PDB file of N, CA and C in Angstrom:
ATOM      1  N   MET A   1      41.235 149.101  32.613  1.00  0.00           N
ATOM      2  CA  MET A   1      42.581 148.599  32.737  1.00  0.00           C
ATOM      3  C   MET A   1      43.363 149.136  31.663  1.00  0.00           C
ATOM      4  N   LYS A   2      42.891 149.050  30.288  1.00  0.00           N
ATOM      5  CA  LYS A   2      43.546 149.833  29.200  1.00  0.00           C
ATOM      6  C   LYS A   2      43.891 151.061  29.517  1.00  0.00           C
ATOM      7  N   LYS A   3      42.829 152.063  30.020  1.00  0.00           N
ATOM      8  CA  LYS A   3      42.832 153.200  30.368  1.00  0.00           C
ATOM      9  C   LYS A   3      44.109 153.746  31.338  1.00  0.00           C
ATOM     10  N   LEU A   4      44.101 152.821  32.271  1.00  0.00           N
ATOM     11  CA  LEU A   4      45.195 152.657  33.447  1.00  0.00           C
ATOM     12  C   LEU A   4      46.508 152.748  33.032  1.00  0.00           C
ATOM     13  N   PHE A   5      46.535 151.552  32.029  1.00  0.00           N
ATOM     14  CA  PHE A   5      47.696 151.338  31.699  1.00  0.00           C
ATOM     15  C   PHE A   5      48.358 152.568  30.595  1.00  0.00           C
ATOM     16  N   ARG A   6      47.501 153.000  29.835  1.00  0.00           N
ATOM     17  CA  ARG A   6      47.537 154.031  29.117  1.00  0.00           C
ATOM     18  C   ARG A   6      47.920 155.394  29.775  1.00  0.00           C
ATOM     19  N   ASN A   7      47.261 155.633  31.052  1.00  0.00           N
ATOM     20  CA  ASN A   7      47.357 156.881  31.937  1.00  0.00           C
ATOM     21  C   ASN A   7      48.868 156.538  32.508  1.00  0.00           C
ATOM     22  N   LEU A   8      49.485 155.581  32.953  1.00  0.00           N
ATOM     23  CA  LEU A   8      50.759 155.031  33.453  1.00  0.00           C
ATOM     24  C   LEU A   8      51.795 155.232  32.578  1.00  0.00           C
ATOM     25  N   VAL A   9      51.660 154.952  31.155  1.00  0.00           N
ATOM     26  CA  VAL A   9      52.628 155.182  30.184  1.00  0.00           C
ATOM     27  C   VAL A   9      52.662 156.975  30.099  1.00  0.00           C
ATOM     28  N   VAL A  10      51.798 157.373  29.989  1.00  0.00           N
ATOM     29  CA  VAL A  10      51.771 158.762  29.865  1.00  0.00           C
ATOM     30  C   VAL A  10      52.302 159.720  31.023  1.00  0.00           C
ATOM     31  N   ALA A  11      52.097 158.918  32.119  1.00  0.00           N
ATOM     32  CA  ALA A  11      52.543 159.716  33.290  1.00  0.00           C
ATOM     33  C   ALA A  11      53.995 159.583  33.481  1.00  0.00           C
ATOM     34  N   PHE A  12      54.501 158.280  33.126  1.00  0.00           N
ATOM     35  CA  PHE A  12      55.965 157.901  33.174  1.00  0.00           C
ATOM     36  C   PHE A  12      56.781 158.939  32.054  1.00  0.00           C
ATOM     37  N   ALA A  13      56.226 159.313  30.717  1.00  0.00           N
ATOM     38  CA  ALA A  13      56.645 160.009  30.001  1.00  0.00           C
ATOM     39  C   ALA A  13      56.933 161.446  30.453  1.00  0.00           C
ATOM     40  N   LEU A  14      55.759 161.870  31.374  1.00  0.00           N
ATOM     41  CA  LEU A  14      55.954 163.050  31.773  1.00  0.00           C
ATOM     42  C   LEU A  14      57.060 163.483  32.781  1.00  0.00           C
ATOM     43  N   ILE A  15      56.973 162.317  33.917  1.00  0.00           N
ATOM     44  CA  ILE A  15      58.160 162.172  34.995  1.00  0.00           C
ATOM     45  C   ILE A  15      59.209 162.295  34.421  1.00  0.00           C
ATOM     46  N   ALA A  16      59.710 161.379  33.143  1.00  0.00           N
ATOM     47  CA  ALA A  16      60.849 161.251  32.534  1.00  0.00           C
ATOM     48  C   ALA A  16      61.338 162.647  31.847  1.00  0.00           C
ATOM     49  N   SER A  17      60.255 163.373  31.419  1.00  0.00           N
ATOM     50  CA  SER A  17      60.588 164.521  30.966  1.00  0.00           C
ATOM     51  C   SER A  17      61.000 165.989  32.208  1.00  0.00           C
ATOM     52  N   ILE A  18      60.300 165.664  33.184  1.00  0.00           N
ATOM     53  CA  ILE A  18      60.447 166.442  34.374  1.00  0.00           C
ATOM     54  C   ILE A  18      62.007 166.212  34.795  1.00  0.00           C
ATOM     55  N   ILE A  19      62.157 164.852  35.038  1.00  0.00           N
ATOM     56  CA  ILE A  19      63.641 164.709  35.678  1.00  0.00           C
ATOM     57  C   ILE A  19      64.879 164.657  34.927  1.00  0.00           C
ATOM     58  N   GLY A  20      64.705 164.718  33.506  1.00  0.00           N
ATOM     59  CA  GLY A  20      65.491 164.828  32.369  1.00  0.00           C
ATOM     60  C   GLY A  20      65.976 163.383  31.795  1.00  0.00           C
ATOM     61  N   VAL A  21      65.324 162.608  31.922  1.00  0.00           N
ATOM     62  CA  VAL A  21      65.458 161.277  31.145  1.00  0.00           C
ATOM     63  C   VAL A  21      64.922 161.355  29.904  1.00  0.00           C
ATOM     64  N   SER A  22      65.883 160.934  29.086  1.00  0.00           N
ATOM     65  CA  SER A  22      65.791 160.837  27.569  1.00  0.00           C
ATOM     66  C   SER A  22      64.812 162.125  26.698  1.00  0.00           C
ATOM     67  N   VAL A  23      64.795 163.236  27.517  1.00  0.00           N
ATOM     68  CA  VAL A  23      64.608 164.517  26.510  1.00  0.00           C
ATOM     69  C   VAL A  23      65.573 165.305  25.973  1.00  0.00           C
ATOM     70  N   ALA A  24      66.671 165.096  25.912  1.00  0.00           N
ATOM     71  CA  ALA A  24      67.550 165.599  24.951  1.00  0.00           C
ATOM     72  C   ALA A  24      67.681 164.954  23.407  1.00  0.00           C
ATOM     73  N   PRO A  25      67.783 165.538  22.416  1.00  0.00           N
ATOM     74  CA  PRO A  25      67.909 164.829  21.182  1.00  0.00           C
ATOM     75  C   PRO A  25      69.191 164.050  21.141  1.00  0.00           C
ATOM     76  N   THR A  26      68.799 162.648  21.018  1.00  0.00           N
ATOM     77  CA  THR A  26      69.707 161.476  20.983  1.00  0.00           C
ATOM     78  C   THR A  26      69.733 160.780  19.690  1.00  0.00           C
ATOM     79  N   ALA A  27      70.569 159.492  19.456  1.00  0.00           N
ATOM     80  CA  ALA A  27      70.259 158.894  18.442  1.00  0.00           C
ATOM     81  C   ALA A  27      69.157 158.227  18.198  1.00  0.00           C
ATOM     82  N   GLU A  28      68.125 158.107  19.192  1.00  0.00           N
ATOM     83  CA  GLU A  28      66.892 157.490  19.075  1.00  0.00           C
ATOM     84  C   GLU A  28      65.647 158.533  18.987  1.00  0.00           C
ATOM     85  N   ALA A  29      66.327 159.887  18.764  1.00  0.00           N
ATOM     86  CA  ALA A  29      65.054 160.771  18.489  1.00  0.00           C
ATOM     87  C   ALA A  29      65.043 161.004  17.429  1.00  0.00           C
ATOM     88  N   GLY A  30      63.781 161.121  16.529  1.00  0.00           N
ATOM     89  CA  GLY A  30      63.590 161.608  15.174  1.00  0.00           C
ATOM     90  C   GLY A  30      63.443 162.832  15.209  1.00  0.00           C
ATOM     91  N   HIS A  31      63.841 163.709  14.181  1.00  0.00           N
ATOM     92  CA  HIS A  31      63.951 165.144  13.769  1.00  0.00           C
ATOM     93  C   HIS A  31      63.300 165.373  12.444  1.00  0.00           C
ATOM     94  N   VAL A  32      62.210 166.015  12.374  1.00  0.00           N
ATOM     95  CA  VAL A  32      61.212 166.387  11.377  1.00  0.00           C
ATOM     96  C   VAL A  32      61.344 167.983  11.109  1.00  0.00           C
ATOM     97  N   VAL A  33      61.533 168.194  10.005  1.00  0.00           N
ATOM     98  CA  VAL A  33      61.208 169.633   9.602  1.00  0.00           C
ATOM     99  C   VAL A  33      59.390 169.796   8.854  1.00  0.00           C
ATOM    100  N   THR A  34      58.728 171.082   9.459  1.00  0.00           N
ATOM    101  CA  THR A  34      57.740 171.042   8.649  1.00  0.00           C
ATOM    102  C   THR A  34      57.571 171.323   7.435  1.00  0.00           C
ATOM    103  N   ASP A  35      56.822 171.114   6.455  1.00  0.00           N
ATOM    104  CA  ASP A  35      56.845 171.304   5.180  1.00  0.00           C
ATOM    105  C   ASP A  35      57.109 172.936   4.588  1.00  0.00           C
ATOM    106  N   ASP A  36      56.897 173.955   5.389  1.00  0.00           N
ATOM    107  CA  ASP A  36      57.001 175.236   5.130  1.00  0.00           C
ATOM    108  C   ASP A  36      58.710 175.546   5.657  1.00  0.00           C
ATOM    109  N   ASP A  37      59.057 174.715   6.310  1.00  0.00           N
ATOM    110  CA  ASP A  37      60.489 174.825   6.814  1.00  0.00           C
ATOM    111  C   ASP A  37      60.481 176.005   8.005  1.00  0.00           C
ATOM    112  N   ARG A  38      59.230 176.054   8.728  1.00  0.00           N
ATOM    113  CA  ARG A  38      59.340 177.076   9.806  1.00  0.00           C
ATOM    114  C   ARG A  38      59.572 176.510  11.108  1.00  0.00           C
ATOM    115  N   PHE A  39      59.173 175.096  11.362  1.00  0.00           N
ATOM    116  CA  PHE A  39      59.429 174.655  12.502  1.00  0.00           C
ATOM    117  C   PHE A  39      60.368 173.263  12.526  1.00  0.00           C
ATOM    118  N   GLY A  40      60.994 173.001  13.754  1.00  0.00           N
ATOM    119  CA  GLY A  40      61.775 171.770  13.791  1.00  0.00           C
ATOM    120  C   GLY A  40      61.227 171.199  14.806  1.00  0.00           C
ATOM    121  N   ILE A  41      61.261 169.593  14.655  1.00  0.00           N
ATOM    122  CA  ILE A  41      60.399 168.781  15.849  1.00  0.00           C
ATOM    123  C   ILE A  41      61.357 167.549  16.231  1.00  0.00           C
ATOM    124  N   TYR A  42      61.693 167.731  17.402  1.00  0.00           N
ATOM    125  CA  TYR A  42      62.273 166.282  17.838  1.00  0.00           C
ATOM    126  C   TYR A  42      61.737 165.390  18.624  1.00  0.00           C
ATOM    127  N   ILE A  43      61.242 164.349  18.158  1.00  0.00           N
ATOM    128  CA  ILE A  43      60.165 163.242  18.452  1.00  0.00           C
ATOM    129  C   ILE A  43      61.066 162.223  19.282  1.00  0.00           C
ATOM    130  N   ASN A  44      61.138 162.182  20.593  1.00  0.00           N
ATOM    131  CA  ASN A  44      61.714 160.997  21.377  1.00  0.00           C
ATOM    132  C   ASN A  44      60.874 159.752  21.174  1.00  0.00           C
ATOM    133  N   ASP A  45      61.688 158.928  20.395  1.00  0.00           N
ATOM    134  CA  ASP A  45      61.284 157.743  19.743  1.00  0.00           C
ATOM    135  C   ASP A  45      60.792 156.644  21.081  1.00  0.00           C
ATOM    136  N   SER A  46      61.629 156.842  22.208  1.00  0.00           N
ATOM    137  CA  SER A  46      61.548 155.994  23.219  1.00  0.00           C
ATOM    138  C   SER A  46      60.164 156.283  23.986  1.00  0.00           C
ATOM    139  N   SER A  47      59.626 157.359  24.066  1.00  0.00           N
ATOM    140  CA  SER A  47      58.231 157.710  24.749  1.00  0.00           C
ATOM    141  C   SER A  47      57.094 157.401  23.685  1.00  0.00           C
ATOM    142  N   ILE A  48      57.273 156.832  22.580  1.00  0.00           N
ATOM    143  CA  ILE A  48      55.951 156.759  21.841  1.00  0.00           C
ATOM    144  C   ILE A  48      55.066 155.791  22.252  1.00  0.00           C
ATOM    145  N   TYR A  49      53.899 155.912  22.473  1.00  0.00           N
ATOM    146  CA  TYR A  49      52.904 154.969  23.075  1.00  0.00           C
ATOM    147  C   TYR A  49      51.966 154.827  21.889  1.00  0.00           C
ATOM    148  N   TYR A  50      52.203 153.633  21.220  1.00  0.00           N
ATOM    149  CA  TYR A  50      51.275 153.247  20.102  1.00  0.00           C
ATOM    150  C   TYR A  50      50.131 152.513  20.610  1.00  0.00           C
ATOM    151  N   ASP A  51      48.778 153.459  20.822  1.00  0.00           N
ATOM    152  CA  ASP A  51      47.688 153.255  21.441  1.00  0.00           C
ATOM    153  C   ASP A  51      46.895 152.018  20.177  1.00  0.00           C
ATOM    154  N   ARG A  52      46.428 152.381  19.182  1.00  0.00           N
ATOM    155  CA  ARG A  52      45.802 151.650  18.111  1.00  0.00           C
ATOM    156  C   ARG A  52      46.274 152.439  16.937  1.00  0.00           C
ATOM    157  N   VAL A  53      45.513 151.635  15.821  1.00  0.00           N
ATOM    158  CA  VAL A  53      45.783 152.021  14.385  1.00  0.00           C
ATOM    159  C   VAL A  53      45.426 153.203  14.287  1.00  0.00           C
ATOM    160  N   GLY A  54      46.495 153.829  13.917  1.00  0.00           N
ATOM    161  CA  GLY A  54      46.097 155.556  13.685  1.00  0.00           C
ATOM    162  C   GLY A  54      46.525 156.456  14.991  1.00  0.00           C
ATOM    163  N   HIS A  55      46.868 156.025  15.871  1.00  0.00           N
ATOM    164  CA  HIS A  55      46.753 156.884  17.041  1.00  0.00           C
ATOM    165  C   HIS A  55      47.967 156.360  17.919  1.00  0.00           C
ATOM    166  N   ALA A  56      48.513 157.606  18.518  1.00  0.00           N
ATOM    167  CA  ALA A  56      49.724 157.634  19.233  1.00  0.00           C
ATOM    168  C   ALA A  56      49.829 158.933  20.152  1.00  0.00           C
ATOM    169  N   ASN A  57      50.638 158.487  21.286  1.00  0.00           N
ATOM    170  CA  ASN A  57      50.970 159.514  22.242  1.00  0.00           C
ATOM    171  C   ASN A  57      52.603 159.611  22.208  1.00  0.00           C
ATOM    172  N   ALA A  58      53.121 160.828  22.293  1.00  0.00           N
ATOM    173  CA  ALA A  58      54.684 160.966  22.288  1.00  0.00           C
ATOM    174  C   ALA A  58      55.212 161.878  23.039  1.00  0.00           C
ATOM    175  N   GLN A  59      56.239 162.006  23.277  1.00  0.00           N
ATOM    176  CA  GLN A  59      56.873 163.500  24.129  1.00  0.00           C
ATOM    177  C   GLN A  59      57.875 164.026  22.566  1.00  0.00           C
ATOM    178  N   ILE A  60      57.548 165.429  22.731  1.00  0.00           N
ATOM    179  CA  ILE A  60      58.404 165.940  21.492  1.00  0.00           C
ATOM    180  C   ILE A  60      58.924 167.317  22.137  1.00  0.00           C
ATOM    181  N   ARG A  61      59.709 168.040  21.254  1.00  0.00           N
ATOM    182  CA  ARG A  61      60.124 169.287  21.424  1.00  0.00           C
ATOM    183  C   ARG A  61      59.970 169.994  20.228  1.00  0.00           C
ATOM    184  N   TYR A  62      59.545 171.130  19.946  1.00  0.00           N
ATOM    185  CA  TYR A  62      59.067 171.684  18.738  1.00  0.00           C
ATOM    186  C   TYR A  62      59.620 173.350  18.988  1.00  0.00           C
ATOM    187  N   GLY A  63      59.865 173.939  17.974  1.00  0.00           N
ATOM    188  CA  GLY A  63      60.221 175.367  17.972  1.00  0.00           C
ATOM    189  C   GLY A  63      60.797 175.606  16.595  1.00  0.00           C
ATOM    190  N   ARG A  64      60.912 176.845  16.571  1.00  0.00           N
ATOM    191  CA  ARG A  64      61.300 177.502  15.088  1.00  0.00           C
ATOM    192  C   ARG A  64      62.492 176.840  14.995  1.00  0.00           C
ATOM    193  N   LEU A  65      62.649 176.571  13.390  1.00  0.00           N
ATOM    194  CA  LEU A  65      63.746 175.679  12.988  1.00  0.00           C
ATOM    195  C   LEU A  65      65.124 176.293  13.438  1.00  0.00           C
ATOM    196  N   GLY A  66      65.992 175.325  14.013  1.00  0.00           N
ATOM    197  CA  GLY A  66      67.277 175.791  14.445  1.00  0.00           C
ATOM    198  C   GLY A  66      67.255 176.048  16.101  1.00  0.00           C
ATOM    199  N   TYR A  67      66.136 176.231  16.515  1.00  0.00           N
ATOM    200  CA  TYR A  67      65.914 176.886  17.951  1.00  0.00           C
ATOM    201  C   TYR A  67      65.290 175.469  18.699  1.00  0.00           C
ATOM    202  N   GLU A  68      64.816 174.559  17.981  1.00  0.00           N
ATOM    203  CA  GLU A  68      63.707 173.529  18.852  1.00  0.00           C
ATOM    204  C   GLU A  68      64.720 172.903  20.026  1.00  0.00           C
ATOM    205  N   ASP A  69      65.844 172.919  20.042  1.00  0.00           N
ATOM    206  CA  ASP A  69      66.602 172.341  21.280  1.00  0.00           C
ATOM    207  C   ASP A  69      66.167 173.082  22.690  1.00  0.00           C
ATOM    208  N   SER A  70      65.804 174.196  22.412  1.00  0.00           N
ATOM    209  CA  SER A  70      65.633 175.351  23.794  1.00  0.00           C
ATOM    210  C   SER A  70      64.383 175.404  24.376  1.00  0.00           C
ATOM    211  N   PHE A  71      63.542 174.554  23.802  1.00  0.00           N
ATOM    212  CA  PHE A  71      62.059 174.394  24.329  1.00  0.00           C
ATOM    213  C   PHE A  71      61.842 173.353  25.199  1.00  0.00           C
ATOM    214  N   ASP A  72      60.933 173.634  26.231  1.00  0.00           N
ATOM    215  CA  ASP A  72      60.691 172.127  26.793  1.00  0.00           C
ATOM    216  C   ASP A  72      60.136 171.239  26.127  1.00  0.00           C
ATOM    217  N   PRO A  73      60.290 169.800  26.589  1.00  0.00           N
ATOM    218  CA  PRO A  73      59.141 168.724  25.951  1.00  0.00           C
ATOM    219  C   PRO A  73      57.701 168.835  26.271  1.00  0.00           C
ATOM    220  N   ILE A  74      57.178 168.593  25.517  1.00  0.00           N
ATOM    221  CA  ILE A  74      55.465 168.365  25.422  1.00  0.00           C
ATOM    222  C   ILE A  74      55.026 167.188  25.288  1.00  0.00           C
ATOM    223  N   LEU A  75      53.934 166.616  25.931  1.00  0.00           N
ATOM    224  CA  LEU A  75      53.369 165.453  25.440  1.00  0.00           C
ATOM    225  C   LEU A  75      52.220 165.723  24.561  1.00  0.00           C
ATOM    226  N   VAL A  76      52.096 164.948  23.529  1.00  0.00           N
ATOM    227  CA  VAL A  76      51.078 165.178  22.199  1.00  0.00           C
ATOM    228  C   VAL A  76      50.421 163.542  22.143  1.00  0.00           C
ATOM    229  N   SER A  77      49.379 164.012  21.498  1.00  0.00           N
ATOM    230  CA  SER A  77      48.308 163.034  21.305  1.00  0.00           C
ATOM    231  C   SER A  77      48.046 163.123  19.576  1.00  0.00           C
ATOM    232  N   VAL A  78      48.481 162.273  18.754  1.00  0.00           N
ATOM    233  CA  VAL A  78      48.409 162.532  17.446  1.00  0.00           C
ATOM    234  C   VAL A  78      47.435 161.175  16.670  1.00  0.00           C
ATOM    235  N   MET A  79      46.619 161.790  15.569  1.00  0.00           N
ATOM    236  CA  MET A  79      45.763 160.655  14.934  1.00  0.00           C
ATOM    237  C   MET A  79      45.927 161.066  13.574  1.00  0.00           C
ATOM    238  N   TRP A  80      45.821 159.987  12.966  1.00  0.00           N
ATOM    239  CA  TRP A  80      45.946 159.971  11.467  1.00  0.00           C
ATOM    240  C   TRP A  80      45.459 158.866  10.857  1.00  0.00           C
ATOM    241  N   GLY A  81      44.993 159.012   9.459  1.00  0.00           N
ATOM    242  CA  GLY A  81      44.407 157.920   8.613  1.00  0.00           C
ATOM    243  C   GLY A  81      43.813 158.805   7.727  1.00  0.00           C
ATOM    244  N   LYS A  82      42.392 158.745   7.546  1.00  0.00           N
ATOM    245  CA  LYS A  82      41.822 159.601   6.391  1.00  0.00           C
ATOM    246  C   LYS A  82      42.180 161.087   6.664  1.00  0.00           C
ATOM    247  N   GLY A  83      42.493 161.465   7.724  1.00  0.00           N
ATOM    248  CA  GLY A  83      42.782 162.985   8.074  1.00  0.00           C
ATOM    249  C   GLY A  83      43.729 163.036   9.154  1.00  0.00           C
ATOM    250  N   PHE A  84      44.031 163.976   9.840  1.00  0.00           N
ATOM    251  CA  PHE A  84      45.146 163.953  11.047  1.00  0.00           C
ATOM    252  C   PHE A  84      44.600 165.084  11.945  1.00  0.00           C
ATOM    253  N   TYR A  85      45.051 165.014  13.178  1.00  0.00           N
ATOM    254  CA  TYR A  85      44.990 165.783  14.352  1.00  0.00           C
ATOM    255  C   TYR A  85      46.020 165.558  15.325  1.00  0.00           C
ATOM    256  N   ALA A  86      46.389 166.635  16.103  1.00  0.00           N
ATOM    257  CA  ALA A  86      47.468 166.348  16.813  1.00  0.00           C
ATOM    258  C   ALA A  86      47.166 167.667  18.045  1.00  0.00           C
ATOM    259  N   TYR A  87      47.177 167.298  19.318  1.00  0.00           N
ATOM    260  CA  TYR A  87      46.976 168.249  20.434  1.00  0.00           C
ATOM    261  C   TYR A  87      47.893 167.830  21.473  1.00  0.00           C
ATOM    262  N   ARG A  88      47.986 168.992  22.184  1.00  0.00           N
ATOM    263  CA  ARG A  88      48.947 168.634  23.739  1.00  0.00           C
ATOM    264  C   ARG A  88      48.195 167.918  24.685  1.00  0.00           C
ATOM    265  N   ILE A  89      48.559 167.076  25.442  1.00  0.00           N
ATOM    266  CA  ILE A  89      47.923 166.388  26.346  1.00  0.00           C
ATOM    267  C   ILE A  89      48.663 166.548  27.832  1.00  0.00           C
ATOM    268  N   ASP A  90      47.811 166.222  28.807  1.00  0.00           N
ATOM    269  CA  ASP A  90      48.561 166.351  30.320  1.00  0.00           C
ATOM    270  C   ASP A  90      48.984 164.988  30.629  1.00  0.00           C
ATOM    271  N   SER A  91      49.397 164.649  32.022  1.00  0.00           N
ATOM    272  CA  SER A  91      49.992 163.023  32.270  1.00  0.00           C
ATOM    273  C   SER A  91      48.724 162.339  32.400  1.00  0.00           C
ATOM    274  N   TYR A  92      47.445 162.959  32.322  1.00  0.00           N
ATOM    275  CA  TYR A  92      46.095 161.605  32.275  1.00  0.00           C
ATOM    276  C   TYR A  92      45.604 161.636  30.885  1.00  0.00           C
ATOM    277  N   GLY A  93      46.544 162.175  29.894  1.00  0.00           N
ATOM    278  CA  GLY A  93      45.728 161.939  28.382  1.00  0.00           C
ATOM    279  C   GLY A  93      44.644 163.055  27.913  1.00  0.00           C
ATOM    280  N   ASN A  94      44.377 164.252  28.886  1.00  0.00           N
ATOM    281  CA  ASN A  94      43.621 164.989  28.471  1.00  0.00           C
ATOM    282  C   ASN A  94      43.941 166.158  27.539  1.00  0.00           C
ATOM    283  N   ASN A  95      43.117 166.481  26.955  1.00  0.00           N
ATOM    284  CA  ASN A  95      43.518 167.638  25.899  1.00  0.00           C
ATOM    285  C   ASN A  95      43.409 168.856  26.615  1.00  0.00           C
ATOM    286  N   ILE A  96      44.873 169.637  26.655  1.00  0.00           N
ATOM    287  CA  ILE A  96      45.204 170.763  27.101  1.00  0.00           C
ATOM    288  C   ILE A  96      45.563 171.990  26.200  1.00  0.00           C
ATOM    289  N   GLY A  97      45.615 171.761  24.856  1.00  0.00           N
ATOM    290  CA  GLY A  97      45.989 172.653  24.168  1.00  0.00           C
ATOM    291  C   GLY A  97      46.225 172.557  22.840  1.00  0.00           C
ATOM    292  N   SER A  98      46.245 173.255  21.766  1.00  0.00           N
ATOM    293  CA  SER A  98      46.672 173.021  20.305  1.00  0.00           C
ATOM    294  C   SER A  98      48.150 173.412  20.109  1.00  0.00           C
ATOM    295  N   ILE A  99      48.610 172.627  18.689  1.00  0.00           N
ATOM    296  CA  ILE A  99      49.772 172.993  18.381  1.00  0.00           C
ATOM    297  C   ILE A  99      49.418 173.355  16.717  1.00  0.00           C
ATOM    298  N   PRO A 100      50.439 174.140  16.132  1.00  0.00           N
ATOM    299  CA  PRO A 100      50.255 174.478  14.932  1.00  0.00           C
ATOM    300  C   PRO A 100      49.805 173.335  13.807  1.00  0.00           C
ATOM    301  N   GLN A 101      49.090 173.618  12.757  1.00  0.00           N
ATOM    302  CA  GLN A 101      48.491 172.772  11.962  1.00  0.00           C
ATOM    303  C   GLN A 101      49.845 171.966  11.107  1.00  0.00           C
ATOM    304  N   ASN A 102      50.809 172.790  10.652  1.00  0.00           N
ATOM    305  CA  ASN A 102      51.896 172.225  10.002  1.00  0.00           C
ATOM    306  C   ASN A 102      52.613 171.352  10.868  1.00  0.00           C
ATOM    307  N   VAL A 103      52.907 171.614  12.279  1.00  0.00           N
ATOM    308  CA  VAL A 103      53.322 170.610  13.077  1.00  0.00           C
ATOM    309  C   VAL A 103      52.545 169.394  13.334  1.00  0.00           C
ATOM    310  N   GLN A 104      51.110 169.718  13.494  1.00  0.00           N
ATOM    311  CA  GLN A 104      50.338 168.475  13.369  1.00  0.00           C
ATOM    312  C   GLN A 104      50.652 167.358  11.930  1.00  0.00           C
ATOM    313  N   LEU A 105      50.748 168.074  10.885  1.00  0.00           N
ATOM    314  CA  LEU A 105      50.758 167.441   9.472  1.00  0.00           C
ATOM    315  C   LEU A 105      52.445 166.862   9.789  1.00  0.00           C
ATOM    316  N   ALA A 106      53.289 167.117  10.244  1.00  0.00           N
ATOM    317  CA  ALA A 106      54.696 166.715  10.380  1.00  0.00           C
ATOM    318  C   ALA A 106      54.698 165.409  11.099  1.00  0.00           C
ATOM    319  N   LEU A 107      54.047 165.399  12.284  1.00  0.00           N
ATOM    320  CA  LEU A 107      53.923 164.611  13.408  1.00  0.00           C
ATOM    321  C   LEU A 107      53.298 163.551  12.653  1.00  0.00           C
ATOM    322  N   ALA A 108      52.069 163.623  12.161  1.00  0.00           N
ATOM    323  CA  ALA A 108      51.294 162.743  11.444  1.00  0.00           C
ATOM    324  C   ALA A 108      52.054 162.017  10.614  1.00  0.00           C
ATOM    325  N   ASN A 109      52.417 162.711   9.683  1.00  0.00           N
ATOM    326  CA  ASN A 109      53.405 161.711   8.383  1.00  0.00           C
ATOM    327  C   ASN A 109      54.357 161.114   9.234  1.00  0.00           C
ATOM    328  N   TYR A 110      55.085 161.494  10.077  1.00  0.00           N
ATOM    329  CA  TYR A 110      56.484 160.791  10.762  1.00  0.00           C
ATOM    330  C   TYR A 110      55.657 159.462  11.673  1.00  0.00           C
ATOM    331  N   LEU A 111      54.778 159.668  12.301  1.00  0.00           N
ATOM    332  CA  LEU A 111      54.370 158.310  12.994  1.00  0.00           C
ATOM    333  C   LEU A 111      53.527 157.499  11.856  1.00  0.00           C
ATOM    334  N   SER A 112      53.025 157.908  10.868  1.00  0.00           N
ATOM    335  CA  SER A 112      52.100 156.764   9.880  1.00  0.00           C
ATOM    336  C   SER A 112      53.557 156.070   9.201  1.00  0.00           C
ATOM    337  N   GLU A 113      54.444 156.957   8.947  1.00  0.00           N
ATOM    338  CA  GLU A 113      55.315 156.124   8.250  1.00  0.00           C
ATOM    339  C   GLU A 113      55.963 155.001   9.061  1.00  0.00           C
ATOM    340  N   ARG A 114      56.032 155.161  10.596  1.00  0.00           N
ATOM    341  CA  ARG A 114      56.969 154.229  11.270  1.00  0.00           C
ATOM    342  C   ARG A 114      55.830 153.072  12.219  1.00  0.00           C
ATOM    343  N   TYR A 115      54.502 153.649  12.020  1.00  0.00           N
ATOM    344  CA  TYR A 115      53.714 152.819  13.165  1.00  0.00           C
ATOM    345  C   TYR A 115      52.439 152.479  12.330  1.00  0.00           C
ATOM    346  N   GLN A 116      52.527 152.070  11.344  1.00  0.00           N
ATOM    347  CA  GLN A 116      51.074 151.932  10.512  1.00  0.00           C
ATOM    348  C   GLN A 116      51.288 150.467   9.840  1.00  0.00           C
TER     349      GLN A 116
END
C-alpha cells in the first residue's frame, strides 16, 4: 500500500510537470547554487514527497547557473544522512540516470535542512 501511494505521488508530480502545473519557479520554489557556482537548481517545494527520515523525492530543474529556467523539470530521489546520493527517477520511482555529484550535494543539503 505504501509503495502504491508513493508511486501515485511520483506519477502526479510527473503529470504536473508535463501539463505545466507548478513547474515554473514560483514563490514556493527553492533555489540552490552548487558549492562551485556552476549549477543552479530550482526545487519545486510543493512536489516534495518525504518518504522517510533521510529520503525524499522531488521535482527539480537544474542547469548552468543563470540558465536553469530553460531546462525541463526532472524527478529525483535524494538520500542523506551519513552520506548522500541522488539520482533521476521515472514516474514509478525507478532509477533512470545520474546527476552531477555537486548537484547531489546541494540537493541533499537543501532537503536535510528542511526535512530532518
